[in-house]
Amino acid sequence: MLLEAFKGGPVATIGYLIADRRGGTAAVIDAPLGTAAAMMEKAQGWKTTIAYLLTTHPHWDHLLDNADLLRRSGAKYGVHHESLQLLAMPQTRMFGLDLEMPDCKPDFFLEEGKPLPVGNLTFEVLYCPGHCPGSVALFEPQEKIVFTGDVLFAGSIGRTDLPGGSMETLLHSIRGKLLPLGGDVRVLAGHGPETTIGTERRENPFLTGRHRL
């Protein structure tokens, strides 16, 4: 698998370009502000076609370059169906930002139990609510890698004080969907450094009980 991370936007959000092989099929997982052009350049360098744009969850910082990427690539756009309400809200204005939300209609929905093939890769969709409605993680079992959006970070978890958030639900999602994947699975989140499931099981204060709410 080919993998490149791209950081953009006012809160240093990370999007990912992945491909099964050079000359194969690619997908983008989240498109933060200012990343679309660089993602396209890298995909062209790999001689790959971006087939999909996948949104891990519908918060503004993960999708401000959606329209630009879709226009440049012709990719199909996939989100979880529970994302639609948040996608329609003027989130950037609510955060005091003079930025427009992209008006992008999904071509398909990401559903747990319906794997998504990207060339020779196959991503399992893990429904992980708690940070916000429509939040998913994308797990590739051959490569032992999971893209967690804002569900699980290195040493932390997603905030739960925004609309639709729930600490209890988020911890249930992490313990029920992510921790069973295996300790050697790489975790690539929407913010911060790479980690592993094993490291977070042992050291994440929200999962070990050291963090008291």
N, C-alpha and C. Protein backbone atom coordinates (compact mmCIF):
# COMPACT_ATOMS: atom_id res chain seq x y z
N MET A 1 0.83 -1.19 0.00
CA MET A 1 0.00 0.00 0.00
C MET A 1 0.86 1.24 0.00
N LEU A 2 0.45 2.24 -0.76
CA LEU A 2 1.07 3.55 -0.76
C LEU A 2 0.26 4.47 0.13
N LEU A 3 0.94 5.32 0.91
CA LEU A 3 0.26 6.16 1.88
C LEU A 3 0.99 7.49 2.02
N GLU A 4 0.22 8.58 2.01
CA GLU A 4 0.79 9.90 2.24
C GLU A 4 -0.21 10.71 3.07
N ALA A 5 0.30 11.41 4.09
CA ALA A 5 -0.52 12.26 4.94
C ALA A 5 -0.38 13.72 4.51
N PHE A 6 -1.47 14.48 4.61
CA PHE A 6 -1.49 15.88 4.24
C PHE A 6 -2.18 16.67 5.34
N LYS A 7 -1.49 17.66 5.86
CA LYS A 7 -2.04 18.47 6.95
C LYS A 7 -2.51 19.82 6.40
N GLY A 8 -3.69 20.28 6.83
CA GLY A 8 -4.19 21.55 6.33
C GLY A 8 -5.26 22.15 7.23
N GLY A 9 -5.61 23.39 6.92
CA GLY A 9 -6.67 24.08 7.64
C GLY A 9 -6.22 24.70 8.93
N PRO A 10 -7.12 25.46 9.57
CA PRO A 10 -6.75 26.25 10.76
C PRO A 10 -6.48 25.45 12.02
N VAL A 11 -6.86 24.16 12.05
CA VAL A 11 -6.62 23.36 13.26
C VAL A 11 -5.75 22.13 12.95
N ALA A 12 -4.91 22.26 11.92
CA ALA A 12 -3.93 21.21 11.57
C ALA A 12 -4.57 19.84 11.44
N THR A 13 -5.59 19.76 10.60
CA THR A 13 -6.30 18.50 10.36
C THR A 13 -5.54 17.68 9.31
N ILE A 14 -5.55 16.37 9.49
CA ILE A 14 -4.80 15.49 8.59
C ILE A 14 -5.76 14.69 7.71
N GLY A 15 -5.50 14.75 6.40
CA GLY A 15 -6.16 13.88 5.45
C GLY A 15 -5.14 12.92 4.87
N TYR A 16 -5.61 11.82 4.29
CA TYR A 16 -4.72 10.77 3.82
C TYR A 16 -5.06 10.38 2.38
N LEU A 17 -4.01 10.20 1.60
CA LEU A 17 -4.11 9.61 0.27
C LEU A 17 -3.53 8.21 0.35
N ILE A 18 -4.31 7.23 -0.06
CA ILE A 18 -3.84 5.85 -0.05
C ILE A 18 -4.05 5.25 -1.44
N ALA A 19 -3.23 4.29 -1.79
CA ALA A 19 -3.40 3.56 -3.04
C ALA A 19 -2.96 2.12 -2.84
N ASP A 20 -3.53 1.22 -3.61
CA ASP A 20 -3.16 -0.18 -3.45
C ASP A 20 -1.75 -0.44 -3.98
N ARG A 21 -1.34 0.32 -5.03
CA ARG A 21 0.00 0.13 -5.62
C ARG A 21 0.24 1.27 -6.61
N ARG A 22 1.48 1.44 -7.01
CA ARG A 22 1.80 2.41 -8.06
C ARG A 22 1.11 1.99 -9.36
N GLY A 23 0.40 2.92 -9.97
CA GLY A 23 -0.35 2.60 -11.18
C GLY A 23 -1.70 1.97 -10.91
N GLY A 24 -2.10 1.91 -9.63
CA GLY A 24 -3.35 1.25 -9.27
C GLY A 24 -4.48 2.23 -8.97
N THR A 25 -5.21 1.94 -7.90
CA THR A 25 -6.39 2.71 -7.52
C THR A 25 -6.15 3.40 -6.20
N ALA A 26 -6.60 4.65 -6.09
CA ALA A 26 -6.36 5.45 -4.89
C ALA A 26 -7.67 5.92 -4.29
N ALA A 27 -7.59 6.34 -3.03
CA ALA A 27 -8.72 6.96 -2.33
C ALA A 27 -8.17 8.02 -1.39
N VAL A 28 -8.98 9.02 -1.11
CA VAL A 28 -8.66 10.05 -0.13
C VAL A 28 -9.54 9.85 1.08
N ILE A 29 -8.93 9.88 2.25
CA ILE A 29 -9.67 9.81 3.51
C ILE A 29 -9.55 11.16 4.18
N ASP A 30 -10.61 11.96 4.08
CA ASP A 30 -10.71 13.34 4.58
C ASP A 30 -9.86 14.29 3.74
N ALA A 31 -10.43 15.48 3.49
CA ALA A 31 -9.76 16.48 2.65
C ALA A 31 -9.79 17.84 3.35
N PRO A 32 -8.86 18.08 4.27
CA PRO A 32 -8.82 19.37 4.96
C PRO A 32 -8.50 20.51 4.00
N LEU A 33 -8.74 21.71 4.45
CA LEU A 33 -8.53 22.90 3.65
C LEU A 33 -7.09 22.98 3.14
N GLY A 34 -6.96 23.21 1.82
CA GLY A 34 -5.66 23.42 1.23
C GLY A 34 -4.89 22.17 0.87
N THR A 35 -5.53 21.01 0.86
CA THR A 35 -4.82 19.76 0.59
C THR A 35 -5.12 19.15 -0.77
N ALA A 36 -6.18 19.56 -1.44
CA ALA A 36 -6.62 18.87 -2.66
C ALA A 36 -5.57 18.88 -3.76
N ALA A 37 -4.97 20.04 -4.00
CA ALA A 37 -3.99 20.12 -5.09
C ALA A 37 -2.79 19.22 -4.84
N ALA A 38 -2.29 19.22 -3.60
CA ALA A 38 -1.13 18.38 -3.28
C ALA A 38 -1.49 16.90 -3.36
N MET A 39 -2.70 16.54 -2.95
CA MET A 39 -3.12 15.15 -3.06
C MET A 39 -3.18 14.71 -4.52
N MET A 40 -3.72 15.58 -5.38
CA MET A 40 -3.79 15.24 -6.79
C MET A 40 -2.39 15.09 -7.39
N GLU A 41 -1.49 15.98 -7.03
CA GLU A 41 -0.12 15.90 -7.55
C GLU A 41 0.54 14.59 -7.14
N LYS A 42 0.37 14.19 -5.89
CA LYS A 42 0.95 12.93 -5.42
C LYS A 42 0.32 11.74 -6.13
N ALA A 43 -1.00 11.74 -6.29
CA ALA A 43 -1.67 10.64 -6.98
C ALA A 43 -1.17 10.52 -8.42
N GLN A 44 -0.97 11.65 -9.08
CA GLN A 44 -0.45 11.63 -10.44
C GLN A 44 0.97 11.10 -10.47
N GLY A 45 1.77 11.45 -9.44
CA GLY A 45 3.11 10.90 -9.35
C GLY A 45 3.12 9.40 -9.17
N TRP A 46 2.12 8.89 -8.48
CA TRP A 46 1.97 7.44 -8.33
C TRP A 46 1.35 6.78 -9.55
N LYS A 47 0.87 7.61 -10.50
CA LYS A 47 0.14 7.13 -11.68
C LYS A 47 -1.12 6.38 -11.27
N THR A 48 -1.79 6.91 -10.25
CA THR A 48 -3.02 6.30 -9.76
C THR A 48 -4.21 7.22 -10.03
N THR A 49 -5.38 6.63 -10.08
CA THR A 49 -6.63 7.37 -10.20
C THR A 49 -7.33 7.39 -8.86
N ILE A 50 -7.72 8.58 -8.38
CA ILE A 50 -8.46 8.68 -7.12
C ILE A 50 -9.91 8.29 -7.39
N ALA A 51 -10.29 7.12 -6.90
CA ALA A 51 -11.64 6.60 -7.15
C ALA A 51 -12.65 7.10 -6.13
N TYR A 52 -12.19 7.34 -4.89
CA TYR A 52 -13.12 7.68 -3.81
C TYR A 52 -12.58 8.81 -2.94
N LEU A 53 -13.48 9.63 -2.47
CA LEU A 53 -13.25 10.54 -1.35
C LEU A 53 -14.13 10.06 -0.21
N LEU A 54 -13.52 9.72 0.92
CA LEU A 54 -14.24 9.15 2.06
C LEU A 54 -14.10 10.10 3.24
N THR A 55 -15.23 10.46 3.84
CA THR A 55 -15.24 11.36 4.99
C THR A 55 -15.45 10.55 6.26
N THR A 56 -14.50 10.62 7.19
CA THR A 56 -14.63 9.84 8.43
C THR A 56 -15.76 10.36 9.31
N HIS A 57 -16.00 11.67 9.28
CA HIS A 57 -17.11 12.26 10.03
C HIS A 57 -17.34 13.68 9.53
N PRO A 58 -18.53 14.23 9.76
CA PRO A 58 -18.94 15.43 9.05
C PRO A 58 -18.58 16.75 9.71
N HIS A 59 -17.46 16.86 10.38
CA HIS A 59 -17.04 18.14 10.94
C HIS A 59 -16.27 18.94 9.90
N TRP A 60 -16.45 20.25 9.94
CA TRP A 60 -15.97 21.16 8.90
C TRP A 60 -14.49 21.02 8.58
N ASP A 61 -13.66 20.79 9.58
CA ASP A 61 -12.21 20.82 9.34
C ASP A 61 -11.72 19.62 8.54
N HIS A 62 -12.56 18.59 8.42
CA HIS A 62 -12.17 17.39 7.68
C HIS A 62 -12.65 17.39 6.23
N LEU A 63 -13.36 18.42 5.82
CA LEU A 63 -13.99 18.34 4.51
C LEU A 63 -14.01 19.64 3.70
N LEU A 64 -13.27 20.66 4.13
CA LEU A 64 -13.37 21.94 3.43
C LEU A 64 -12.80 21.89 2.01
N ASP A 65 -11.95 20.94 1.69
CA ASP A 65 -11.46 20.81 0.31
C ASP A 65 -12.19 19.73 -0.48
N ASN A 66 -13.33 19.27 0.04
CA ASN A 66 -14.07 18.23 -0.67
C ASN A 66 -14.42 18.63 -2.10
N ALA A 67 -15.03 19.81 -2.25
CA ALA A 67 -15.48 20.22 -3.59
C ALA A 67 -14.31 20.33 -4.56
N ASP A 68 -13.21 20.88 -4.09
CA ASP A 68 -12.02 21.03 -4.94
C ASP A 68 -11.48 19.67 -5.35
N LEU A 69 -11.39 18.75 -4.41
CA LEU A 69 -10.86 17.43 -4.73
C LEU A 69 -11.78 16.68 -5.69
N LEU A 70 -13.09 16.76 -5.45
CA LEU A 70 -14.03 16.07 -6.33
C LEU A 70 -13.99 16.65 -7.73
N ARG A 71 -13.85 17.96 -7.83
CA ARG A 71 -13.77 18.61 -9.15
C ARG A 71 -12.51 18.18 -9.88
N ARG A 72 -11.40 18.12 -9.19
CA ARG A 72 -10.13 17.77 -9.82
C ARG A 72 -10.05 16.29 -10.20
N SER A 73 -10.65 15.43 -9.37
CA SER A 73 -10.42 13.99 -9.52
C SER A 73 -11.57 13.23 -10.18
N GLY A 74 -12.79 13.72 -10.06
CA GLY A 74 -13.95 12.95 -10.52
C GLY A 74 -14.26 11.77 -9.63
N ALA A 75 -13.74 11.77 -8.41
CA ALA A 75 -13.95 10.66 -7.47
C ALA A 75 -15.40 10.58 -7.02
N LYS A 76 -15.81 9.43 -6.55
CA LYS A 76 -17.11 9.24 -5.92
C LYS A 76 -16.98 9.55 -4.43
N TYR A 77 -18.00 10.19 -3.89
CA TYR A 77 -17.95 10.68 -2.51
C TYR A 77 -18.79 9.80 -1.59
N GLY A 78 -18.17 9.32 -0.50
CA GLY A 78 -18.86 8.45 0.44
C GLY A 78 -18.80 8.96 1.87
N VAL A 79 -19.94 8.94 2.56
CA VAL A 79 -20.05 9.31 3.97
C VAL A 79 -21.06 8.36 4.62
N HIS A 80 -21.12 8.38 5.93
CA HIS A 80 -22.16 7.65 6.64
C HIS A 80 -23.46 8.44 6.54
N HIS A 81 -24.58 7.75 6.46
CA HIS A 81 -25.86 8.45 6.24
C HIS A 81 -26.23 9.39 7.38
N GLU A 82 -25.72 9.11 8.60
CA GLU A 82 -26.03 10.01 9.71
C GLU A 82 -25.27 11.34 9.63
N SER A 83 -24.39 11.46 8.66
CA SER A 83 -23.63 12.70 8.49
C SER A 83 -24.43 13.81 7.84
N LEU A 84 -25.52 13.48 7.18
CA LEU A 84 -26.19 14.45 6.31
C LEU A 84 -26.66 15.70 7.05
N GLN A 85 -27.18 15.56 8.25
CA GLN A 85 -27.69 16.72 8.97
C GLN A 85 -26.56 17.71 9.29
N LEU A 86 -25.43 17.20 9.77
CA LEU A 86 -24.30 18.09 10.07
C LEU A 86 -23.70 18.69 8.82
N LEU A 87 -23.68 17.93 7.73
CA LEU A 87 -23.12 18.45 6.48
C LEU A 87 -23.92 19.65 5.98
N ALA A 88 -25.21 19.69 6.30
CA ALA A 88 -26.07 20.77 5.83
C ALA A 88 -26.02 22.00 6.71
N MET A 89 -25.36 21.91 7.87
CA MET A 89 -25.31 23.04 8.80
C MET A 89 -24.16 23.99 8.46
N PRO A 90 -24.31 25.29 8.73
CA PRO A 90 -23.23 26.26 8.49
C PRO A 90 -22.19 26.20 9.61
N GLN A 91 -21.48 25.08 9.69
CA GLN A 91 -20.58 24.84 10.81
C GLN A 91 -19.49 25.90 10.93
N THR A 92 -18.92 26.30 9.80
CA THR A 92 -17.83 27.27 9.85
C THR A 92 -18.29 28.59 10.46
N ARG A 93 -19.50 29.01 10.13
CA ARG A 93 -20.03 30.26 10.70
C ARG A 93 -20.24 30.11 12.20
N MET A 94 -20.65 28.92 12.62
CA MET A 94 -20.87 28.67 14.04
C MET A 94 -19.57 28.77 14.82
N PHE A 95 -18.45 28.50 14.15
CA PHE A 95 -17.14 28.60 14.79
C PHE A 95 -16.48 29.95 14.53
N GLY A 96 -17.22 30.88 13.93
CA GLY A 96 -16.70 32.21 13.68
C GLY A 96 -15.69 32.30 12.56
N LEU A 97 -15.74 31.35 11.62
CA LEU A 97 -14.79 31.32 10.51
C LEU A 97 -15.45 31.85 9.23
N ASP A 98 -14.73 32.64 8.50
CA ASP A 98 -15.23 33.17 7.24
C ASP A 98 -14.89 32.21 6.10
N LEU A 99 -15.42 31.00 6.20
CA LEU A 99 -15.18 29.95 5.23
C LEU A 99 -16.51 29.31 4.86
N GLU A 100 -16.65 28.94 3.61
CA GLU A 100 -17.89 28.32 3.15
C GLU A 100 -17.82 26.81 3.27
N MET A 101 -18.90 26.21 3.75
CA MET A 101 -19.00 24.76 3.73
C MET A 101 -19.21 24.29 2.29
N PRO A 102 -18.52 23.22 1.86
CA PRO A 102 -18.72 22.73 0.49
C PRO A 102 -20.09 22.09 0.33
N ASP A 103 -20.69 22.30 -0.79
CA ASP A 103 -22.00 21.72 -1.09
C ASP A 103 -21.79 20.47 -1.93
N CYS A 104 -21.54 19.36 -1.27
CA CYS A 104 -21.22 18.11 -1.96
C CYS A 104 -22.22 17.03 -1.56
N LYS A 105 -22.90 16.48 -2.54
CA LYS A 105 -23.86 15.40 -2.27
C LYS A 105 -23.14 14.07 -2.37
N PRO A 106 -23.37 13.18 -1.40
CA PRO A 106 -22.70 11.88 -1.46
C PRO A 106 -23.20 11.02 -2.61
N ASP A 107 -22.28 10.26 -3.19
CA ASP A 107 -22.64 9.30 -4.23
C ASP A 107 -23.03 7.96 -3.64
N PHE A 108 -22.58 7.69 -2.41
CA PHE A 108 -22.92 6.44 -1.75
C PHE A 108 -22.70 6.63 -0.25
N PHE A 109 -23.22 5.70 0.53
CA PHE A 109 -23.07 5.77 1.98
C PHE A 109 -22.13 4.68 2.47
N LEU A 110 -21.31 5.05 3.44
CA LEU A 110 -20.45 4.10 4.13
C LEU A 110 -21.29 3.37 5.17
N GLU A 111 -21.32 2.06 5.09
CA GLU A 111 -22.16 1.27 5.99
C GLU A 111 -21.34 0.16 6.63
N GLU A 112 -21.50 0.00 7.93
CA GLU A 112 -20.84 -1.12 8.61
C GLU A 112 -21.37 -2.42 8.03
N GLY A 113 -20.47 -3.35 7.78
CA GLY A 113 -20.87 -4.62 7.19
C GLY A 113 -20.82 -4.64 5.67
N LYS A 114 -20.51 -3.50 5.05
CA LYS A 114 -20.36 -3.42 3.60
C LYS A 114 -18.93 -2.95 3.28
N PRO A 115 -18.00 -3.88 3.10
CA PRO A 115 -16.60 -3.51 2.83
C PRO A 115 -16.50 -2.70 1.53
N LEU A 116 -15.49 -1.83 1.50
CA LEU A 116 -15.27 -0.99 0.33
C LEU A 116 -13.93 -1.37 -0.31
N PRO A 117 -13.95 -1.94 -1.53
CA PRO A 117 -12.68 -2.26 -2.19
C PRO A 117 -12.07 -1.02 -2.83
N VAL A 118 -10.76 -0.87 -2.64
CA VAL A 118 -9.98 0.17 -3.31
C VAL A 118 -8.83 -0.56 -4.00
N GLY A 119 -9.04 -0.94 -5.24
CA GLY A 119 -8.08 -1.80 -5.93
C GLY A 119 -7.94 -3.11 -5.19
N ASN A 120 -6.72 -3.47 -4.81
CA ASN A 120 -6.48 -4.72 -4.08
C ASN A 120 -6.68 -4.59 -2.58
N LEU A 121 -7.00 -3.39 -2.11
CA LEU A 121 -7.27 -3.17 -0.69
C LEU A 121 -8.77 -3.32 -0.44
N THR A 122 -9.12 -3.69 0.79
CA THR A 122 -10.53 -3.76 1.17
C THR A 122 -10.69 -3.13 2.54
N PHE A 123 -11.45 -2.04 2.60
CA PHE A 123 -11.65 -1.32 3.84
C PHE A 123 -12.95 -1.75 4.51
N GLU A 124 -12.83 -2.13 5.78
CA GLU A 124 -14.01 -2.40 6.59
C GLU A 124 -14.46 -1.11 7.25
N VAL A 125 -15.76 -0.84 7.18
CA VAL A 125 -16.34 0.35 7.78
C VAL A 125 -16.77 0.02 9.20
N LEU A 126 -16.24 0.74 10.18
CA LEU A 126 -16.58 0.54 11.58
C LEU A 126 -17.36 1.76 12.07
N TYR A 127 -18.61 1.58 12.39
CA TYR A 127 -19.45 2.67 12.87
C TYR A 127 -19.04 3.01 14.30
N CYS A 128 -18.57 4.23 14.52
CA CYS A 128 -18.01 4.63 15.81
C CYS A 128 -18.59 5.96 16.29
N PRO A 129 -19.85 6.00 16.68
CA PRO A 129 -20.44 7.25 17.16
C PRO A 129 -19.87 7.65 18.53
N GLY A 130 -20.18 8.87 18.93
CA GLY A 130 -19.74 9.37 20.22
C GLY A 130 -19.08 10.73 20.10
N HIS A 131 -18.18 10.87 19.10
CA HIS A 131 -17.62 12.19 18.81
C HIS A 131 -18.66 13.04 18.12
N CYS A 132 -19.35 12.45 17.14
CA CYS A 132 -20.47 13.11 16.47
C CYS A 132 -21.24 12.07 15.69
N PRO A 133 -22.47 12.37 15.28
CA PRO A 133 -23.22 11.43 14.43
C PRO A 133 -22.50 11.19 13.11
N GLY A 134 -22.60 9.98 12.61
CA GLY A 134 -22.02 9.64 11.32
C GLY A 134 -20.54 9.40 11.33
N SER A 135 -19.95 9.17 12.48
CA SER A 135 -18.50 8.97 12.58
C SER A 135 -18.15 7.50 12.32
N VAL A 136 -17.16 7.28 11.46
CA VAL A 136 -16.71 5.93 11.16
C VAL A 136 -15.19 5.86 11.24
N ALA A 137 -14.68 4.65 11.44
CA ALA A 137 -13.27 4.35 11.26
C ALA A 137 -13.17 3.41 10.06
N LEU A 138 -12.05 3.47 9.35
CA LEU A 138 -11.84 2.66 8.15
C LEU A 138 -10.63 1.76 8.37
N PHE A 139 -10.87 0.44 8.37
CA PHE A 139 -9.86 -0.55 8.74
C PHE A 139 -9.50 -1.40 7.53
N GLU A 140 -8.19 -1.51 7.26
CA GLU A 140 -7.71 -2.39 6.19
C GLU A 140 -6.96 -3.55 6.86
N PRO A 141 -7.55 -4.74 6.90
CA PRO A 141 -6.98 -5.83 7.68
C PRO A 141 -5.67 -6.40 7.13
N GLN A 142 -5.48 -6.39 5.80
CA GLN A 142 -4.22 -6.91 5.25
C GLN A 142 -3.04 -6.04 5.68
N GLU A 143 -3.25 -4.74 5.65
CA GLU A 143 -2.19 -3.79 6.00
C GLU A 143 -2.13 -3.51 7.50
N LYS A 144 -3.15 -3.96 8.24
CA LYS A 144 -3.24 -3.74 9.69
C LYS A 144 -3.14 -2.24 10.00
N ILE A 145 -4.05 -1.49 9.41
CA ILE A 145 -4.07 -0.04 9.60
C ILE A 145 -5.50 0.44 9.70
N VAL A 146 -5.76 1.37 10.60
CA VAL A 146 -7.10 1.91 10.77
C VAL A 146 -7.03 3.43 10.80
N PHE A 147 -7.91 4.05 10.03
CA PHE A 147 -8.02 5.50 9.99
C PHE A 147 -9.20 5.89 10.88
N THR A 148 -8.90 6.62 11.96
CA THR A 148 -9.89 6.80 13.02
C THR A 148 -10.56 8.17 13.04
N GLY A 149 -10.22 9.07 12.12
CA GLY A 149 -10.83 10.39 12.18
C GLY A 149 -10.58 11.04 13.52
N ASP A 150 -11.65 11.44 14.20
CA ASP A 150 -11.52 12.04 15.53
C ASP A 150 -12.05 11.13 16.63
N VAL A 151 -12.06 9.82 16.39
CA VAL A 151 -12.50 8.88 17.41
C VAL A 151 -11.39 8.63 18.43
N LEU A 152 -10.21 8.25 17.94
CA LEU A 152 -9.09 7.88 18.81
C LEU A 152 -7.83 8.56 18.32
N PHE A 153 -7.11 9.19 19.24
CA PHE A 153 -5.84 9.85 18.94
C PHE A 153 -4.73 9.18 19.75
N ALA A 154 -3.50 9.56 19.44
CA ALA A 154 -2.37 9.17 20.28
C ALA A 154 -2.49 9.88 21.62
N GLY A 155 -2.80 9.13 22.66
CA GLY A 155 -2.89 9.68 24.00
C GLY A 155 -4.17 10.40 24.33
N SER A 156 -5.17 10.36 23.45
CA SER A 156 -6.41 11.08 23.72
C SER A 156 -7.55 10.47 22.91
N ILE A 157 -8.72 11.09 23.01
CA ILE A 157 -9.89 10.68 22.24
C ILE A 157 -10.58 11.94 21.74
N GLY A 158 -11.57 11.77 20.88
CA GLY A 158 -12.28 12.90 20.33
C GLY A 158 -13.09 13.65 21.39
N ARG A 159 -13.27 14.94 21.19
CA ARG A 159 -14.07 15.73 22.11
C ARG A 159 -15.54 15.33 21.98
N THR A 160 -16.28 15.50 23.05
CA THR A 160 -17.69 15.08 23.06
C THR A 160 -18.63 16.20 23.47
N ASP A 161 -18.14 17.45 23.42
CA ASP A 161 -18.95 18.59 23.85
C ASP A 161 -19.61 19.32 22.69
N LEU A 162 -19.57 18.72 21.49
CA LEU A 162 -20.23 19.29 20.33
C LEU A 162 -21.54 18.56 20.08
N PRO A 163 -22.43 19.11 19.23
CA PRO A 163 -23.74 18.48 19.01
C PRO A 163 -23.63 17.00 18.65
N GLY A 164 -24.39 16.18 19.36
CA GLY A 164 -24.40 14.74 19.11
C GLY A 164 -23.30 13.98 19.81
N GLY A 165 -22.46 14.66 20.59
CA GLY A 165 -21.36 13.99 21.26
C GLY A 165 -21.78 13.31 22.55
N SER A 166 -21.11 12.23 22.90
CA SER A 166 -21.37 11.50 24.13
C SER A 166 -20.12 10.74 24.55
N MET A 167 -19.59 11.06 25.72
CA MET A 167 -18.39 10.37 26.20
C MET A 167 -18.65 8.88 26.37
N GLU A 168 -19.77 8.53 26.95
CA GLU A 168 -20.08 7.12 27.17
C GLU A 168 -20.15 6.37 25.84
N THR A 169 -20.80 6.97 24.85
CA THR A 169 -20.92 6.33 23.55
C THR A 169 -19.58 6.22 22.86
N LEU A 170 -18.76 7.26 22.95
CA LEU A 170 -17.45 7.24 22.31
C LEU A 170 -16.56 6.15 22.90
N LEU A 171 -16.51 6.05 24.22
CA LEU A 171 -15.69 5.01 24.85
C LEU A 171 -16.21 3.62 24.49
N HIS A 172 -17.51 3.49 24.39
CA HIS A 172 -18.09 2.20 23.97
C HIS A 172 -17.65 1.86 22.55
N SER A 173 -17.63 2.85 21.66
CA SER A 173 -17.19 2.63 20.29
C SER A 173 -15.74 2.19 20.25
N ILE A 174 -14.89 2.88 21.00
CA ILE A 174 -13.46 2.56 20.99
C ILE A 174 -13.22 1.15 21.53
N ARG A 175 -13.84 0.84 22.66
CA ARG A 175 -13.61 -0.46 23.28
C ARG A 175 -14.25 -1.60 22.48
N GLY A 176 -15.37 -1.31 21.85
CA GLY A 176 -16.07 -2.36 21.13
C GLY A 176 -15.63 -2.56 19.69
N LYS A 177 -15.15 -1.50 19.05
CA LYS A 177 -14.82 -1.58 17.63
C LYS A 177 -13.32 -1.50 17.34
N LEU A 178 -12.59 -0.68 18.08
CA LEU A 178 -11.18 -0.44 17.75
C LEU A 178 -10.22 -1.33 18.52
N LEU A 179 -10.37 -1.44 19.84
CA LEU A 179 -9.43 -2.23 20.62
C LEU A 179 -9.37 -3.69 20.18
N PRO A 180 -10.48 -4.31 19.76
CA PRO A 180 -10.41 -5.72 19.32
C PRO A 180 -9.64 -5.93 18.01
N LEU A 181 -9.27 -4.87 17.31
CA LEU A 181 -8.58 -5.04 16.02
C LEU A 181 -7.20 -5.67 16.18
N GLY A 182 -6.58 -5.47 17.35
CA GLY A 182 -5.26 -6.06 17.59
C GLY A 182 -4.23 -5.02 17.92
N GLY A 183 -3.32 -5.37 18.83
CA GLY A 183 -2.36 -4.41 19.34
C GLY A 183 -1.39 -3.87 18.32
N ASP A 184 -1.12 -4.64 17.24
CA ASP A 184 -0.14 -4.19 16.25
C ASP A 184 -0.75 -3.36 15.13
N VAL A 185 -2.04 -3.09 15.21
CA VAL A 185 -2.69 -2.29 14.17
C VAL A 185 -2.29 -0.83 14.31
N ARG A 186 -1.84 -0.24 13.20
CA ARG A 186 -1.47 1.18 13.17
C ARG A 186 -2.72 2.05 13.20
N VAL A 187 -2.65 3.13 13.96
CA VAL A 187 -3.76 4.07 14.08
C VAL A 187 -3.32 5.40 13.47
N LEU A 188 -4.05 5.82 12.43
CA LEU A 188 -3.82 7.11 11.80
C LEU A 188 -5.07 7.95 12.00
N ALA A 189 -4.93 9.01 12.78
CA ALA A 189 -6.07 9.83 13.18
C ALA A 189 -6.11 11.14 12.38
N GLY A 190 -7.16 11.90 12.63
CA GLY A 190 -7.33 13.17 11.95
C GLY A 190 -6.51 14.30 12.53
N HIS A 191 -5.87 14.07 13.66
CA HIS A 191 -4.98 15.05 14.28
C HIS A 191 -3.89 14.28 15.03
N GLY A 192 -2.69 14.81 15.04
CA GLY A 192 -1.64 14.23 15.86
C GLY A 192 -0.87 13.11 15.20
N PRO A 193 0.08 12.53 15.95
CA PRO A 193 0.98 11.52 15.39
C PRO A 193 0.33 10.14 15.28
N GLU A 194 1.00 9.29 14.53
CA GLU A 194 0.58 7.90 14.40
C GLU A 194 0.80 7.18 15.72
N THR A 195 -0.03 6.17 15.97
CA THR A 195 0.13 5.33 17.16
C THR A 195 -0.30 3.92 16.79
N THR A 196 -0.47 3.07 17.80
CA THR A 196 -0.99 1.72 17.57
C THR A 196 -2.10 1.44 18.57
N ILE A 197 -2.91 0.45 18.24
CA ILE A 197 -3.97 0.04 19.15
C ILE A 197 -3.37 -0.42 20.47
N GLY A 198 -2.27 -1.18 20.41
CA GLY A 198 -1.65 -1.68 21.64
C GLY A 198 -1.15 -0.56 22.53
N THR A 199 -0.54 0.45 21.94
CA THR A 199 -0.04 1.58 22.72
C THR A 199 -1.19 2.30 23.41
N GLU A 200 -2.28 2.50 22.68
CA GLU A 200 -3.41 3.22 23.28
C GLU A 200 -4.10 2.38 24.35
N ARG A 201 -4.17 1.09 24.16
CA ARG A 201 -4.76 0.24 25.19
C ARG A 201 -3.97 0.32 26.49
N ARG A 202 -2.63 0.40 26.37
CA ARG A 202 -1.77 0.43 27.55
C ARG A 202 -1.64 1.83 28.16
N GLU A 203 -1.63 2.87 27.32
CA GLU A 203 -1.19 4.18 27.79
C GLU A 203 -2.21 5.30 27.69
N ASN A 204 -3.24 5.15 26.89
CA ASN A 204 -4.20 6.24 26.73
C ASN A 204 -4.96 6.45 28.04
N PRO A 205 -4.86 7.63 28.66
CA PRO A 205 -5.46 7.82 29.99
C PRO A 205 -6.98 7.69 30.00
N PHE A 206 -7.63 7.90 28.86
CA PHE A 206 -9.08 7.76 28.79
C PHE A 206 -9.49 6.28 28.80
N LEU A 207 -8.57 5.41 28.42
CA LEU A 207 -8.87 3.98 28.34
C LEU A 207 -8.32 3.20 29.52
N THR A 208 -7.34 3.75 30.21
CA THR A 208 -6.75 3.06 31.36
C THR A 208 -7.40 3.46 32.68
N GLY A 209 -8.21 4.53 32.63
CA GLY A 209 -8.84 5.00 33.87
C GLY A 209 -8.06 6.07 34.57
N ARG A 210 -6.88 6.44 34.03
CA ARG A 210 -6.09 7.48 34.70
C ARG A 210 -6.69 8.88 34.52
N HIS A 211 -7.48 9.04 33.44
CA HIS A 211 -8.14 10.33 33.24
C HIS A 211 -9.50 10.29 33.92
N ARG A 212 -9.73 11.16 34.87
CA ARG A 212 -10.99 11.21 35.60
C ARG A 212 -11.84 12.35 35.08
N LEU A 213 -13.04 12.01 34.62
CA LEU A 213 -13.93 13.03 34.06
C LEU A 213 -14.59 13.83 35.16
